[in-house]
Amino acid sequence: MLVPGHGRERGRGRRHRLEAIIGTDEDPLLHAADATLASRAADGDVQAFAQLARRHGPLLRVYAARILGSDVESDDVVQEAFLTGWRRLGELDSPAGIRSWLIRIVTHKAIDRIRVRRHHDDIDDWDPPAPAARDPERIVETRLQLDAVWDAVGRLPDDQRRCWLLRETAGLSYQEIADELDLPLSTVRGLLARARRFLLRELEAWR
């Protein structure tokens, strides 16, 4: 016998069980500001930090891949960055700047990977596959040129290096860089100009 309302109750029960499995948009952390999540994470809230990782992970993976030149190591670099970030949350000066702070950690991790990789990897693991007819001497020359670029980038002052990487590898606009690093737009322009002059001077032999 059909009991009035029984079908609706059963439907709600199924919906509640499904929401328990996949989650819902009603999670208060889902729409919390970065500053709120970072503050809670700094107090030991693992779920708040997990939400930050879900929110910014895709951007950080794309950024790491652009620095590294491939997607192969980007997941590892971002995972290492999140672990480092979790351990060092106490060093974060401004909770609202958590994304910029994580980007800086990813930048350092990616550059460290490149420095290690260039001493151990085969040329084909670093450069895109070259046509078989390409002169091997040209491949070696390209590899040496890339090494020279990253050596020079590694010698840039921190602020200049961050601006250059955000501009040339992540493709951010000047305003986006200013927002990410919490710097005046004029300062970003000056830092990029000095970084480019330094790199041109250091790489003069390759021009």
N, C-alpha and C. Protein backbone atom coordinates (compact mmCIF):
# COMPACT_ATOMS: atom_id res chain seq x y z
N MET A 1 0.84 -1.18 0.00
CA MET A 1 0.00 0.00 0.00
C MET A 1 0.88 1.24 0.00
N LEU A 2 0.53 2.24 -0.84
CA LEU A 2 1.32 3.46 -0.94
C LEU A 2 1.02 4.37 0.25
N VAL A 3 2.07 4.71 0.97
CA VAL A 3 1.93 5.61 2.12
C VAL A 3 2.28 7.01 1.67
N PRO A 4 1.36 8.00 1.83
CA PRO A 4 1.66 9.38 1.41
C PRO A 4 2.96 9.88 2.04
N GLY A 5 3.81 10.44 1.17
CA GLY A 5 5.07 11.00 1.66
C GLY A 5 6.18 9.98 1.79
N HIS A 6 5.84 8.69 1.73
CA HIS A 6 6.89 7.68 1.93
C HIS A 6 7.94 7.73 0.83
N GLY A 7 7.48 7.94 -0.43
CA GLY A 7 8.43 8.02 -1.55
C GLY A 7 9.37 9.21 -1.42
N ARG A 8 8.80 10.34 -0.96
CA ARG A 8 9.65 11.53 -0.79
C ARG A 8 10.69 11.31 0.29
N GLU A 9 10.28 10.69 1.40
CA GLU A 9 11.22 10.41 2.48
C GLU A 9 12.34 9.50 2.00
N ARG A 10 11.97 8.48 1.23
CA ARG A 10 12.98 7.55 0.74
C ARG A 10 13.95 8.25 -0.22
N GLY A 11 13.39 9.18 -1.04
CA GLY A 11 14.24 9.94 -1.97
C GLY A 11 15.22 10.83 -1.22
N ARG A 12 14.72 11.46 -0.15
CA ARG A 12 15.62 12.31 0.64
C ARG A 12 16.71 11.49 1.29
N GLY A 13 16.35 10.29 1.73
CA GLY A 13 17.35 9.42 2.36
C GLY A 13 18.47 9.06 1.39
N ARG A 14 18.07 8.74 0.15
CA ARG A 14 19.07 8.40 -0.86
C ARG A 14 19.96 9.61 -1.15
N ARG A 15 19.34 10.80 -1.22
CA ARG A 15 20.12 12.01 -1.51
C ARG A 15 21.11 12.29 -0.39
N HIS A 16 20.67 12.12 0.84
CA HIS A 16 21.58 12.38 1.97
C HIS A 16 22.75 11.42 1.97
N ARG A 17 22.47 10.14 1.64
CA ARG A 17 23.56 9.17 1.59
C ARG A 17 24.55 9.53 0.48
N LEU A 18 24.03 9.99 -0.67
CA LEU A 18 24.90 10.37 -1.77
C LEU A 18 25.74 11.58 -1.40
N GLU A 19 25.12 12.57 -0.74
CA GLU A 19 25.86 13.76 -0.33
C GLU A 19 26.95 13.41 0.67
N ALA A 20 26.70 12.43 1.50
CA ALA A 20 27.71 12.02 2.48
C ALA A 20 28.92 11.43 1.79
N ILE A 21 28.69 10.83 0.62
CA ILE A 21 29.79 10.19 -0.11
C ILE A 21 30.58 11.21 -0.92
N ILE A 22 29.87 12.08 -1.68
CA ILE A 22 30.57 12.96 -2.62
C ILE A 22 30.73 14.38 -2.08
N GLY A 23 30.10 14.71 -0.98
CA GLY A 23 30.19 16.06 -0.43
C GLY A 23 29.18 16.99 -1.09
N THR A 24 29.02 18.14 -0.54
CA THR A 24 28.06 19.11 -1.07
C THR A 24 28.69 20.49 -1.07
N ASP A 25 28.02 21.41 -1.77
CA ASP A 25 28.48 22.79 -1.81
C ASP A 25 28.24 23.51 -0.49
N GLU A 26 27.63 22.84 0.47
CA GLU A 26 27.33 23.46 1.75
C GLU A 26 28.52 23.41 2.71
N ASP A 27 29.60 22.75 2.30
CA ASP A 27 30.81 22.72 3.11
C ASP A 27 31.27 24.16 3.34
N PRO A 28 31.34 24.63 4.58
CA PRO A 28 31.71 26.03 4.83
C PRO A 28 33.11 26.37 4.34
N LEU A 29 33.99 25.36 4.22
CA LEU A 29 35.35 25.63 3.76
C LEU A 29 35.40 25.89 2.27
N LEU A 30 34.40 25.41 1.54
CA LEU A 30 34.44 25.47 0.08
C LEU A 30 34.51 26.91 -0.42
N HIS A 31 33.81 27.80 0.23
CA HIS A 31 33.76 29.20 -0.22
C HIS A 31 34.50 30.14 0.73
N ALA A 32 35.24 29.58 1.67
CA ALA A 32 35.99 30.42 2.60
C ALA A 32 37.12 31.14 1.88
N ALA A 33 37.43 32.34 2.33
CA ALA A 33 38.54 33.11 1.74
C ALA A 33 39.87 32.43 2.01
N ASP A 34 40.83 32.68 1.14
CA ASP A 34 42.17 32.11 1.32
C ASP A 34 42.73 32.46 2.69
N ALA A 35 42.53 33.71 3.10
CA ALA A 35 43.08 34.15 4.39
C ALA A 35 42.50 33.34 5.54
N THR A 36 41.20 33.05 5.46
CA THR A 36 40.55 32.25 6.51
C THR A 36 41.11 30.84 6.53
N LEU A 37 41.22 30.24 5.35
CA LEU A 37 41.74 28.88 5.27
C LEU A 37 43.19 28.81 5.75
N ALA A 38 43.99 29.79 5.34
CA ALA A 38 45.39 29.79 5.75
C ALA A 38 45.54 29.95 7.25
N SER A 39 44.71 30.81 7.84
CA SER A 39 44.77 31.02 9.29
C SER A 39 44.38 29.74 10.03
N ARG A 40 43.33 29.09 9.54
CA ARG A 40 42.91 27.84 10.17
C ARG A 40 43.97 26.75 9.99
N ALA A 41 44.56 26.71 8.80
CA ALA A 41 45.60 25.72 8.55
C ALA A 41 46.80 25.95 9.47
N ALA A 42 47.15 27.22 9.68
CA ALA A 42 48.27 27.55 10.56
C ALA A 42 48.00 27.10 11.99
N ASP A 43 46.72 26.99 12.34
CA ASP A 43 46.34 26.50 13.67
C ASP A 43 46.21 24.98 13.71
N GLY A 44 46.56 24.32 12.60
CA GLY A 44 46.55 22.86 12.58
C GLY A 44 45.37 22.22 11.89
N ASP A 45 44.53 23.02 11.23
CA ASP A 45 43.34 22.48 10.56
C ASP A 45 43.75 21.85 9.22
N VAL A 46 43.84 20.53 9.19
CA VAL A 46 44.27 19.82 7.99
C VAL A 46 43.27 20.00 6.86
N GLN A 47 41.97 19.99 7.17
CA GLN A 47 40.95 20.12 6.14
C GLN A 47 41.01 21.49 5.46
N ALA A 48 41.35 22.51 6.21
CA ALA A 48 41.47 23.84 5.62
C ALA A 48 42.63 23.88 4.63
N PHE A 49 43.74 23.24 4.99
CA PHE A 49 44.88 23.22 4.09
C PHE A 49 44.57 22.35 2.87
N ALA A 50 43.84 21.26 3.07
CA ALA A 50 43.44 20.42 1.94
C ALA A 50 42.58 21.20 0.95
N GLN A 51 41.73 22.08 1.47
CA GLN A 51 40.91 22.91 0.59
C GLN A 51 41.77 23.89 -0.20
N LEU A 52 42.80 24.44 0.42
CA LEU A 52 43.74 25.31 -0.30
C LEU A 52 44.44 24.53 -1.40
N ALA A 53 44.82 23.29 -1.09
CA ALA A 53 45.50 22.46 -2.09
C ALA A 53 44.58 22.18 -3.28
N ARG A 54 43.31 21.88 -3.00
CA ARG A 54 42.36 21.63 -4.10
C ARG A 54 42.12 22.90 -4.92
N ARG A 55 42.08 24.03 -4.23
CA ARG A 55 41.78 25.29 -4.91
C ARG A 55 42.91 25.75 -5.80
N HIS A 56 44.13 25.64 -5.32
CA HIS A 56 45.27 26.21 -6.05
C HIS A 56 46.15 25.17 -6.74
N GLY A 57 45.91 23.90 -6.46
CA GLY A 57 46.72 22.85 -7.06
C GLY A 57 46.79 22.90 -8.58
N PRO A 58 45.65 23.05 -9.29
CA PRO A 58 45.70 23.08 -10.75
C PRO A 58 46.58 24.20 -11.31
N LEU A 59 46.45 25.41 -10.75
CA LEU A 59 47.29 26.52 -11.20
C LEU A 59 48.76 26.23 -10.94
N LEU A 60 49.06 25.71 -9.76
CA LEU A 60 50.45 25.43 -9.41
C LEU A 60 51.05 24.35 -10.29
N ARG A 61 50.25 23.35 -10.68
CA ARG A 61 50.75 22.30 -11.58
C ARG A 61 51.08 22.86 -12.96
N VAL A 62 50.20 23.72 -13.46
CA VAL A 62 50.47 24.36 -14.76
C VAL A 62 51.73 25.21 -14.68
N TYR A 63 51.85 25.96 -13.60
CA TYR A 63 53.02 26.83 -13.42
C TYR A 63 54.30 26.00 -13.34
N ALA A 64 54.27 24.93 -12.55
CA ALA A 64 55.46 24.08 -12.42
C ALA A 64 55.82 23.45 -13.76
N ALA A 65 54.82 23.02 -14.52
CA ALA A 65 55.07 22.40 -15.82
C ALA A 65 55.72 23.40 -16.77
N ARG A 66 55.30 24.67 -16.69
CA ARG A 66 55.89 25.68 -17.56
C ARG A 66 57.35 25.92 -17.22
N ILE A 67 57.67 25.89 -15.94
CA ILE A 67 59.07 26.08 -15.54
C ILE A 67 59.91 24.87 -15.94
N LEU A 68 59.37 23.68 -15.70
CA LEU A 68 60.12 22.45 -15.94
C LEU A 68 60.17 22.06 -17.41
N GLY A 69 59.26 22.59 -18.21
CA GLY A 69 59.25 22.25 -19.62
C GLY A 69 58.46 21.01 -19.95
N SER A 70 57.84 20.38 -18.97
CA SER A 70 57.03 19.19 -19.20
C SER A 70 56.12 18.96 -18.01
N ASP A 71 55.15 18.05 -18.19
CA ASP A 71 54.23 17.72 -17.11
C ASP A 71 54.75 16.58 -16.23
N VAL A 72 55.87 15.97 -16.62
CA VAL A 72 56.31 14.73 -15.99
C VAL A 72 56.55 14.91 -14.50
N GLU A 73 57.22 15.99 -14.13
CA GLU A 73 57.60 16.18 -12.73
C GLU A 73 56.73 17.19 -11.99
N SER A 74 55.78 17.81 -12.68
CA SER A 74 55.04 18.90 -12.06
C SER A 74 54.24 18.45 -10.84
N ASP A 75 53.63 17.27 -10.92
CA ASP A 75 52.85 16.78 -9.77
C ASP A 75 53.75 16.58 -8.55
N ASP A 76 54.94 16.01 -8.76
CA ASP A 76 55.86 15.79 -7.65
C ASP A 76 56.31 17.11 -7.04
N VAL A 77 56.62 18.07 -7.90
CA VAL A 77 57.08 19.38 -7.42
C VAL A 77 55.99 20.06 -6.60
N VAL A 78 54.75 20.01 -7.09
CA VAL A 78 53.65 20.65 -6.36
C VAL A 78 53.38 19.93 -5.04
N GLN A 79 53.45 18.60 -5.06
CA GLN A 79 53.25 17.84 -3.83
C GLN A 79 54.32 18.20 -2.80
N GLU A 80 55.57 18.29 -3.24
CA GLU A 80 56.66 18.69 -2.34
C GLU A 80 56.42 20.10 -1.81
N ALA A 81 55.93 20.97 -2.68
CA ALA A 81 55.68 22.36 -2.27
C ALA A 81 54.58 22.41 -1.20
N PHE A 82 53.52 21.62 -1.38
CA PHE A 82 52.46 21.60 -0.38
C PHE A 82 52.97 21.05 0.96
N LEU A 83 53.79 20.02 0.91
CA LEU A 83 54.34 19.47 2.15
C LEU A 83 55.21 20.50 2.86
N THR A 84 56.05 21.18 2.06
CA THR A 84 56.90 22.23 2.64
C THR A 84 56.04 23.36 3.20
N GLY A 85 55.01 23.75 2.44
CA GLY A 85 54.13 24.81 2.89
C GLY A 85 53.44 24.46 4.20
N TRP A 86 52.97 23.23 4.31
CA TRP A 86 52.30 22.79 5.54
C TRP A 86 53.25 22.87 6.74
N ARG A 87 54.49 22.44 6.53
CA ARG A 87 55.46 22.46 7.64
C ARG A 87 55.87 23.88 8.02
N ARG A 88 55.83 24.79 7.04
CA ARG A 88 56.35 26.15 7.28
C ARG A 88 55.26 27.21 7.37
N LEU A 89 54.03 26.80 7.62
CA LEU A 89 52.94 27.78 7.69
C LEU A 89 53.19 28.86 8.74
N GLY A 90 53.93 28.52 9.76
CA GLY A 90 54.24 29.51 10.79
C GLY A 90 55.07 30.67 10.28
N GLU A 91 55.72 30.49 9.10
CA GLU A 91 56.56 31.55 8.52
C GLU A 91 55.76 32.48 7.61
N LEU A 92 54.50 32.13 7.35
CA LEU A 92 53.67 32.95 6.45
C LEU A 92 53.29 34.25 7.14
N ASP A 93 53.74 35.37 6.57
CA ASP A 93 53.49 36.68 7.19
C ASP A 93 52.03 37.11 7.05
N SER A 94 51.46 36.92 5.85
CA SER A 94 50.11 37.36 5.59
C SER A 94 49.26 36.21 5.07
N PRO A 95 48.28 35.75 5.82
CA PRO A 95 47.43 34.63 5.36
C PRO A 95 46.78 34.90 4.00
N ALA A 96 46.47 36.16 3.71
CA ALA A 96 45.84 36.49 2.43
C ALA A 96 46.78 36.24 1.25
N GLY A 97 48.07 36.18 1.52
CA GLY A 97 49.05 35.98 0.45
C GLY A 97 49.48 34.53 0.30
N ILE A 98 48.64 33.59 0.74
CA ILE A 98 49.01 32.18 0.71
C ILE A 98 49.31 31.69 -0.70
N ARG A 99 48.54 32.14 -1.71
CA ARG A 99 48.79 31.65 -3.07
C ARG A 99 50.15 32.10 -3.58
N SER A 100 50.47 33.38 -3.38
CA SER A 100 51.78 33.89 -3.81
C SER A 100 52.90 33.16 -3.09
N TRP A 101 52.68 32.88 -1.82
CA TRP A 101 53.68 32.18 -1.01
C TRP A 101 53.89 30.76 -1.55
N LEU A 102 52.82 30.08 -1.89
CA LEU A 102 52.93 28.73 -2.46
C LEU A 102 53.60 28.77 -3.83
N ILE A 103 53.31 29.78 -4.63
CA ILE A 103 53.95 29.92 -5.93
C ILE A 103 55.45 30.08 -5.76
N ARG A 104 55.87 30.84 -4.77
CA ARG A 104 57.30 31.02 -4.54
C ARG A 104 57.95 29.70 -4.14
N ILE A 105 57.26 28.91 -3.32
CA ILE A 105 57.81 27.61 -2.93
C ILE A 105 57.93 26.70 -4.16
N VAL A 106 56.90 26.68 -5.00
CA VAL A 106 56.94 25.87 -6.23
C VAL A 106 58.10 26.32 -7.11
N THR A 107 58.30 27.63 -7.22
CA THR A 107 59.39 28.16 -8.04
C THR A 107 60.74 27.61 -7.58
N HIS A 108 60.98 27.67 -6.27
CA HIS A 108 62.26 27.17 -5.74
C HIS A 108 62.39 25.66 -5.95
N LYS A 109 61.31 24.93 -5.74
CA LYS A 109 61.35 23.48 -5.92
C LYS A 109 61.62 23.12 -7.37
N ALA A 110 60.99 23.83 -8.30
CA ALA A 110 61.17 23.55 -9.72
C ALA A 110 62.60 23.85 -10.17
N ILE A 111 63.13 24.97 -9.72
CA ILE A 111 64.50 25.32 -10.09
C ILE A 111 65.49 24.31 -9.52
N ASP A 112 65.25 23.87 -8.29
CA ASP A 112 66.11 22.83 -7.70
C ASP A 112 66.08 21.56 -8.54
N ARG A 113 64.89 21.18 -9.02
CA ARG A 113 64.76 19.99 -9.87
C ARG A 113 65.57 20.15 -11.15
N ILE A 114 65.50 21.32 -11.74
CA ILE A 114 66.22 21.56 -12.99
C ILE A 114 67.72 21.46 -12.77
N ARG A 115 68.19 22.02 -11.67
CA ARG A 115 69.63 21.98 -11.39
C ARG A 115 70.12 20.55 -11.20
N VAL A 116 69.32 19.74 -10.53
CA VAL A 116 69.70 18.34 -10.32
C VAL A 116 69.57 17.56 -11.62
N ARG A 117 68.47 17.80 -12.33
CA ARG A 117 68.16 17.04 -13.54
C ARG A 117 69.21 17.21 -14.63
N ARG A 118 69.73 18.41 -14.77
CA ARG A 118 70.64 18.66 -15.89
C ARG A 118 71.96 17.91 -15.73
N HIS A 119 72.26 17.48 -14.51
CA HIS A 119 73.49 16.73 -14.29
C HIS A 119 73.30 15.23 -14.47
N HIS A 120 72.06 14.78 -14.50
CA HIS A 120 71.81 13.34 -14.51
C HIS A 120 70.99 12.84 -15.70
N ASP A 121 70.14 13.69 -16.24
CA ASP A 121 69.25 13.23 -17.30
C ASP A 121 69.93 13.19 -18.65
N ASP A 122 69.46 12.34 -19.50
CA ASP A 122 69.88 12.31 -20.89
C ASP A 122 69.31 13.53 -21.60
N ILE A 123 69.95 13.96 -22.67
CA ILE A 123 69.50 15.14 -23.41
C ILE A 123 68.05 15.01 -23.84
N ASP A 124 67.65 13.83 -24.27
CA ASP A 124 66.28 13.65 -24.75
C ASP A 124 65.25 13.84 -23.64
N ASP A 125 65.64 13.67 -22.37
CA ASP A 125 64.71 13.88 -21.26
C ASP A 125 64.53 15.36 -20.95
N TRP A 126 65.46 16.18 -21.45
CA TRP A 126 65.40 17.62 -21.18
C TRP A 126 64.77 18.37 -22.35
N ASP A 127 65.22 18.06 -23.56
CA ASP A 127 64.73 18.75 -24.73
C ASP A 127 63.58 17.99 -25.37
N PRO A 128 62.70 18.68 -26.11
CA PRO A 128 61.70 17.97 -26.89
C PRO A 128 62.39 17.06 -27.89
N PRO A 129 61.80 15.90 -28.24
CA PRO A 129 62.43 14.99 -29.19
C PRO A 129 62.81 15.71 -30.47
N ALA A 130 64.04 15.53 -30.89
CA ALA A 130 64.54 16.21 -32.07
C ALA A 130 64.42 15.31 -33.30
N PRO A 131 64.23 15.90 -34.47
CA PRO A 131 64.22 15.10 -35.70
C PRO A 131 65.52 14.33 -35.83
N ALA A 132 65.44 13.14 -36.39
CA ALA A 132 66.62 12.28 -36.50
C ALA A 132 67.73 12.94 -37.30
N ALA A 133 67.33 13.81 -38.24
CA ALA A 133 68.32 14.42 -39.11
C ALA A 133 69.04 15.60 -38.47
N ARG A 134 68.59 16.02 -37.29
CA ARG A 134 69.21 17.18 -36.67
C ARG A 134 70.65 16.87 -36.29
N ASP A 135 71.51 17.83 -36.51
CA ASP A 135 72.92 17.69 -36.19
C ASP A 135 73.09 17.49 -34.69
N PRO A 136 73.74 16.41 -34.24
CA PRO A 136 73.95 16.18 -32.80
C PRO A 136 74.65 17.35 -32.12
N GLU A 137 75.54 18.03 -32.85
CA GLU A 137 76.23 19.17 -32.26
C GLU A 137 75.25 20.29 -31.91
N ARG A 138 74.20 20.40 -32.74
CA ARG A 138 73.19 21.42 -32.48
C ARG A 138 72.41 21.09 -31.21
N ILE A 139 72.14 19.80 -30.98
CA ILE A 139 71.42 19.38 -29.78
C ILE A 139 72.23 19.75 -28.54
N VAL A 140 73.52 19.44 -28.59
CA VAL A 140 74.39 19.74 -27.46
C VAL A 140 74.45 21.25 -27.23
N GLU A 141 74.54 22.01 -28.31
CA GLU A 141 74.60 23.46 -28.19
C GLU A 141 73.34 24.01 -27.53
N THR A 142 72.18 23.45 -27.93
CA THR A 142 70.91 23.88 -27.34
C THR A 142 70.89 23.58 -25.85
N ARG A 143 71.36 22.40 -25.49
CA ARG A 143 71.39 22.00 -24.08
C ARG A 143 72.27 22.93 -23.28
N LEU A 144 73.43 23.26 -23.81
CA LEU A 144 74.35 24.15 -23.11
C LEU A 144 73.74 25.55 -22.97
N GLN A 145 73.01 25.97 -24.00
CA GLN A 145 72.38 27.28 -23.94
C GLN A 145 71.31 27.32 -22.85
N LEU A 146 70.52 26.25 -22.77
CA LEU A 146 69.52 26.18 -21.71
C LEU A 146 70.17 26.18 -20.34
N ASP A 147 71.27 25.45 -20.20
CA ASP A 147 71.99 25.45 -18.94
C ASP A 147 72.45 26.86 -18.58
N ALA A 148 72.95 27.58 -19.59
CA ALA A 148 73.43 28.93 -19.35
C ALA A 148 72.29 29.85 -18.91
N VAL A 149 71.12 29.69 -19.54
CA VAL A 149 69.96 30.50 -19.16
C VAL A 149 69.60 30.26 -17.71
N TRP A 150 69.49 28.97 -17.31
CA TRP A 150 69.06 28.68 -15.94
C TRP A 150 70.13 29.04 -14.92
N ASP A 151 71.40 28.95 -15.31
CA ASP A 151 72.46 29.43 -14.43
C ASP A 151 72.29 30.92 -14.17
N ALA A 152 72.04 31.66 -15.25
CA ALA A 152 71.88 33.11 -15.13
C ALA A 152 70.63 33.45 -14.32
N VAL A 153 69.52 32.75 -14.58
CA VAL A 153 68.29 32.99 -13.83
C VAL A 153 68.51 32.72 -12.34
N GLY A 154 69.26 31.68 -12.04
CA GLY A 154 69.54 31.33 -10.65
C GLY A 154 70.36 32.38 -9.92
N ARG A 155 71.09 33.23 -10.67
CA ARG A 155 71.90 34.27 -10.04
C ARG A 155 71.15 35.59 -9.89
N LEU A 156 69.95 35.65 -10.42
CA LEU A 156 69.16 36.88 -10.24
C LEU A 156 68.78 37.06 -8.77
N PRO A 157 68.68 38.30 -8.30
CA PRO A 157 68.12 38.52 -6.96
C PRO A 157 66.72 37.93 -6.88
N ASP A 158 66.30 37.56 -5.68
CA ASP A 158 65.04 36.84 -5.51
C ASP A 158 63.86 37.53 -6.17
N ASP A 159 63.68 38.82 -5.92
CA ASP A 159 62.52 39.51 -6.46
C ASP A 159 62.54 39.55 -7.99
N GLN A 160 63.72 39.76 -8.55
CA GLN A 160 63.84 39.78 -10.02
C GLN A 160 63.55 38.41 -10.60
N ARG A 161 64.07 37.37 -9.95
CA ARG A 161 63.86 36.01 -10.46
C ARG A 161 62.38 35.63 -10.41
N ARG A 162 61.72 35.97 -9.32
CA ARG A 162 60.29 35.63 -9.22
C ARG A 162 59.48 36.35 -10.29
N CYS A 163 59.75 37.64 -10.47
CA CYS A 163 59.03 38.39 -11.50
C CYS A 163 59.29 37.81 -12.89
N TRP A 164 60.54 37.49 -13.17
CA TRP A 164 60.89 36.96 -14.50
C TRP A 164 60.20 35.63 -14.74
N LEU A 165 60.22 34.74 -13.75
CA LEU A 165 59.59 33.43 -13.92
C LEU A 165 58.08 33.55 -14.09
N LEU A 166 57.46 34.42 -13.30
CA LEU A 166 56.02 34.60 -13.41
C LEU A 166 55.63 35.17 -14.78
N ARG A 167 56.50 36.03 -15.30
CA ARG A 167 56.22 36.64 -16.60
C ARG A 167 56.54 35.70 -17.76
N GLU A 168 57.74 35.13 -17.75
CA GLU A 168 58.22 34.38 -18.91
C GLU A 168 57.83 32.91 -18.91
N THR A 169 57.56 32.34 -17.76
CA THR A 169 57.18 30.92 -17.74
C THR A 169 55.71 30.72 -17.44
N ALA A 170 55.14 31.54 -16.55
CA ALA A 170 53.72 31.39 -16.24
C ALA A 170 52.85 32.27 -17.13
N GLY A 171 53.46 33.25 -17.82
CA GLY A 171 52.71 34.09 -18.74
C GLY A 171 51.80 35.10 -18.08
N LEU A 172 52.08 35.46 -16.82
CA LEU A 172 51.23 36.42 -16.12
C LEU A 172 51.49 37.83 -16.65
N SER A 173 50.46 38.66 -16.61
CA SER A 173 50.61 40.06 -16.98
C SER A 173 51.35 40.81 -15.87
N TYR A 174 51.80 42.03 -16.18
CA TYR A 174 52.48 42.82 -15.17
C TYR A 174 51.58 43.04 -13.96
N GLN A 175 50.30 43.33 -14.21
CA GLN A 175 49.38 43.57 -13.11
C GLN A 175 49.17 42.31 -12.28
N GLU A 176 49.07 41.15 -12.94
CA GLU A 176 48.90 39.89 -12.22
C GLU A 176 50.10 39.59 -11.35
N ILE A 177 51.30 39.90 -11.86
CA ILE A 177 52.51 39.70 -11.07
C ILE A 177 52.49 40.62 -9.85
N ALA A 178 52.11 41.87 -10.08
CA ALA A 178 52.03 42.82 -8.97
C ALA A 178 51.06 42.32 -7.91
N ASP A 179 49.93 41.77 -8.35
CA ASP A 179 48.94 41.25 -7.40
C ASP A 179 49.48 40.03 -6.66
N GLU A 180 50.13 39.13 -7.40
CA GLU A 180 50.63 37.89 -6.79
C GLU A 180 51.71 38.18 -5.74
N LEU A 181 52.61 39.11 -6.06
CA LEU A 181 53.73 39.38 -5.17
C LEU A 181 53.49 40.57 -4.24
N ASP A 182 52.30 41.16 -4.34
CA ASP A 182 51.95 42.29 -3.49
C ASP A 182 52.97 43.41 -3.64
N LEU A 183 53.24 43.78 -4.90
CA LEU A 183 54.19 44.84 -5.21
C LEU A 183 53.50 45.89 -6.08
N PRO A 184 53.97 47.14 -6.01
CA PRO A 184 53.44 48.15 -6.93
C PRO A 184 53.77 47.77 -8.37
N LEU A 185 52.89 48.16 -9.29
CA LEU A 185 53.11 47.84 -10.70
C LEU A 185 54.42 48.43 -11.21
N SER A 186 54.75 49.63 -10.77
CA SER A 186 56.00 50.27 -11.20
C SER A 186 57.21 49.48 -10.73
N THR A 187 57.11 48.89 -9.55
CA THR A 187 58.22 48.07 -9.03
C THR A 187 58.41 46.82 -9.88
N VAL A 188 57.29 46.20 -10.26
CA VAL A 188 57.36 45.00 -11.11
C VAL A 188 58.04 45.35 -12.44
N ARG A 189 57.65 46.46 -13.04
CA ARG A 189 58.26 46.87 -14.31
C ARG A 189 59.76 47.07 -14.15
N GLY A 190 60.16 47.72 -13.07
CA GLY A 190 61.58 47.95 -12.83
C GLY A 190 62.35 46.66 -12.61
N LEU A 191 61.77 45.74 -11.82
CA LEU A 191 62.43 44.46 -11.55
C LEU A 191 62.60 43.65 -12.83
N LEU A 192 61.58 43.63 -13.67
CA LEU A 192 61.67 42.89 -14.92
C LEU A 192 62.70 43.51 -15.86
N ALA A 193 62.73 44.83 -15.91
CA ALA A 193 63.70 45.51 -16.78
C ALA A 193 65.13 45.18 -16.34
N ARG A 194 65.38 45.21 -15.03
CA ARG A 194 66.72 44.91 -14.53
C ARG A 194 67.07 43.43 -14.76
N ALA A 195 66.08 42.55 -14.58
CA ALA A 195 66.32 41.12 -14.81
C ALA A 195 66.68 40.86 -16.27
N ARG A 196 65.97 41.49 -17.18
CA ARG A 196 66.24 41.29 -18.61
C ARG A 196 67.60 41.83 -19.00
N ARG A 197 67.97 43.00 -18.45
CA ARG A 197 69.30 43.55 -18.75
C ARG A 197 70.40 42.62 -18.26
N PHE A 198 70.20 42.09 -17.06
CA PHE A 198 71.20 41.17 -16.49
C PHE A 198 71.32 39.92 -17.36
N LEU A 199 70.19 39.34 -17.75
CA LEU A 199 70.22 38.11 -18.54
C LEU A 199 70.82 38.34 -19.92
N LEU A 200 70.49 39.47 -20.54
CA LEU A 200 71.09 39.78 -21.84
C LEU A 200 72.60 39.92 -21.73
N ARG A 201 73.04 40.54 -20.67
CA ARG A 201 74.47 40.72 -20.46
C ARG A 201 75.16 39.37 -20.20
N GLU A 202 74.53 38.54 -19.37
CA GLU A 202 75.12 37.25 -19.04
C GLU A 202 75.11 36.27 -20.21
N LEU A 203 74.15 36.43 -21.10
CA LEU A 203 73.99 35.49 -22.22
C LEU A 203 74.47 36.07 -23.54
N GLU A 204 75.27 37.13 -23.46
CA GLU A 204 75.77 37.80 -24.67
C GLU A 204 76.48 36.83 -25.62
N ALA A 205 77.21 35.87 -25.06
CA ALA A 205 77.96 34.93 -25.88
C ALA A 205 77.08 34.04 -26.72
N TRP A 206 75.80 33.89 -26.32
CA TRP A 206 74.89 32.99 -27.03
C TRP A 206 74.06 33.72 -28.08
N ARG A 207 74.18 35.03 -28.16
CA ARG A 207 73.35 35.80 -29.10
C ARG A 207 73.92 35.73 -30.51
